[in-house]
Amino acid sequence: MAPEESRTEGEYRYHYDRAERIRRSGREERVPQTGGIFKRNRSLAIILLDLIIVLIIFVIFGVIFRPDPSTGRAEGCEFTLRAVAYADQTLVSVRIRNVEGILTEPERIVTVTAGPPDQTASTRVKDLIPEKGKERVVRATLPPLPAGEVTSRISVAGRSLTLTTNIVQE
């Protein structure tokens, strides 16, 4: 039989006996591992946990912190829609606030079309965008809406924006 393996510094010898290896190979029994797929593959469990964390973050930002559908921004202006049911009519107001003041004189006309989501009984109002840093409120009156929701389409300088809000009962 050959000498044992040596690991002294500068000298490496490796012991190999084929006959001994063949004798041992039949005796070893493999013991099946107990447990699920995650006990055998720890990195798969970590990847799955990471995916669950990313999904939770997406739900938090996508559902809880979603933008308000009653506010919008176009051409440097902020638009806010509000609707109130009063007596036998619905009062709709759109607040226009010019933040950047980038529109020139012919582009400053804004068209507000307010009505129910299906736009069957809508009202159209035209007005001017206020000067930079100022705000203006455009108001319209609609018949009582059973849907409980108002949609407003706002057109300014060739761009359009759609806002939606629930009707507040007063």
Foldseek 3Di string as FASTA:
>chain_A
DDDDFDDDPPDTDHDDDPVVVVVPPVPDDDDDDDDDPCVVPVVVVVVVVVVVVVVVVCCCCVPVVDDALQWDDDPQKIWGWAWADDDFKIKIKIKIARAPQPDDDVQQKKKKWKDAPVSPWIDIDIDGHDGHGDMDMDMDMGGDDPVQKMKMWMDTNRDIGIGMDGYHYD
